[in-house]
Amino acid sequence: MPDLLGVTNPVPGHNDSNVNRNIPVSPGDTRIQNAPDPSRVSRPDNRTERQDAGDSGGSQALRYDSNFAAFLQRMANTPELRESLSVIFSMYEGKVVSSGIEEGLAGEMGALLNMLHMDEGQLGKFLLSQMANGNRFGGALFALLREAFASSNSEAIRNSILQFLKKYGDYSSTAHLQNNLLRGLTRLTRAIPASYGSQLLPMVSQLEQLLNAGDRAGALKLLQGSILPFLSSYTSKTNDMGLSRTLISMLALDISRYENGSEDSLLQAFHQLTASPGLREKLGGLSDEALLRLLDSTSFAKAADGDRFAAQLTQAAQRALQGGAGNEVQEAFRNIVSAFLVNESVHMPLNHILLPLEWEGKMVFSEMWVDPDAEENLKRGRRGQPNTLRFLFKMDIQDLGFFDMVLTSQGEKVDIQVFCPEKVAPFSQLVQGELTRILTDNGLSANVIQVQQMARPLTISGVFPKIFEGENSINVKI
C-alpha cells in the first residue's frame, strides 16, 4: 500500500509510479479484457457488457444488455421451420419403415402426411383453425376489454383488466398444467433416491385420480398440504442441488398457476372488473354462468380441441426424440421443436402460423407472421379509420423456389409486395395480374401490387419495425 501511494523513496532508475502513469489507455485493444474506457462505466468482471446484433465477428454469445435483443438474435440463429419440415416430409413420403425408424413412428408420419393433402376449401379451414388456435384472446369480450384498456386513463381499471387476462390464461391452460404436474412429479420420482421416490409415487397416483375426477380443490390440497412439504423436507435433509431442485421449482410454478386458474379465482377477477361503472355498463350484466359458457365456447377453446395436425406432429416429435428414429430424423425434430419454442415466445408481439401442405401435387412449406394492429389506431386516436393489418408470408414451393410476400390491408384496400426466385421473375407481370384478379374477385381493392426478384430474404424485424419499440416488447435486464 505505501508503494502504491508513492510515499516511500523510489529506487533510482525504477520509478513504478511514473511507469504506471505512462501506460496508455487502450479500450480498443482486443488483447485486454475490460479495458478502461473514459466514455462509459465498465463492469467489475471480465464479461463484455454488450454484443451488438451487427457484430461483424458473428459472435454467438448471448447479449447482456437486453433480453429482447438476445431473443431476436436467437430467433435469427434458429433454423427455419420449413427447412426441417421439408426434411421430415420428404423423408417419410412414400415410406413405411426405413432404417432407424420404428414402425409406429412411420405410421404417425403417414397420418400426418395425409392431413397435408388439401383443396381450396380445406386450406381455408386449416388456416382459420391455425389462426384461432394461436389467438387465445379473440372474440367480442376480449375486443371490448382491449378497447377499454386502450381508452382508459385509470391505472386501477387497467390493472384489473390485466389481472383478469392473466387468470383467464391460466384457466384456459388447465389441461396443460395438469399434464405438467403429473409429468414433473413422475420425473421427480426417478430423480430422487428410491427410498424417497417410493414414498412420493403413491401421492402422484392419488393426484392423478383427483385430476381425472375434476376435483381441483382436492388436488390443490394434496399438492400444497402433502407433496410440497414432503419435497421441502427431502431438500432440507439431503441438500440435493441437482435435477430435483429444478423440477421442484418448475412444479411450484405450475401449482401456483393451477391455483390461479380456478373458476373461483377467475370469477373473482371478473367481479373486480364489473366493480367499475364504465365496464359494468359495457359488459351488460354478464352473469358468472354466462361468462364461463362464453369462455369455454371461444374459437380458441374449440380449435385447441380439434387441432389434429399439431397433436399429430407433437406425438411424432415425442416418439422420435425418445429414440424412435435415426439421428437425422431426431435432429430435424429438434430443430422443429426449437423453432416452435422461439417463435411462440412471449417476447414476440406477433401471431405466427405454420402452413405445411401439398397443393396440386407440390409440397408447400409456409410461415405466416401477422401483426393484427399494425398502426395501433386506438392509441393514436384515429378510431374512424379501418384498422391496418400486416402479413409476412415466407413460402418454399417445390420446384419453384422461395418466396417472400408482404401484404398490408386497411379496410378493403390492399397492398402486396412479392419477392420471387429468379426462375419466376420473367413472369412478374402475369403474377401481378393474377393477384389483382384474386383481390377483385373477393371484393377487395388492389392499391399497390409489386412483384420483383428477391435480392435477399426479408427479416421479421424489417417488416415489423415496431417490435423494437419498448412499449411493444419485453426488454428486461436481469
Foldseek 3Di string as FASTA:
>chain_A
DCLVVVPDDDDPPCNPVVVVVPDDQDPPDPVDFQTDDVVDDTDPDRDDQADDLVPPVPDPDAGQQWPLVSLQSVLVVFDDLVVLVVVVLVVLVPDQDDPFADNVLSVLSVVLQVLQADDPVSLVVLVVLQVLQQDLQDDDVSVVLVLCLLPDPDPLLVVLSVLLVLLLVLQLCQVVLLVLLLVLLVVLLVVDDVVLSVVSVVLSVVLVVCVVVVNLVVNLCSVVVPVLVSLVVVCVVPVDPPPNVVSSVVNVVSSVSNVSNDLVNSVVSVVSNCVDVVSVVVVVPQDSVNVVVVSCPGSNNVSVVVVVSVVSLVVSLVCVCVRNGDPSSVVSSVSNVVSVPSVSDPQDQWGKGWRWHQYPNKTKTKIKIKDQAQPVCSNVVNVVWAGKIKMWMWMQIPPFGIKIKIWIDTVQEIEIEIAGAPVCAVCFVVVQVVVCVVSVVVVGHYDHYYYHHDPDDDDPCVRRVCSPPPVNGDIDRD
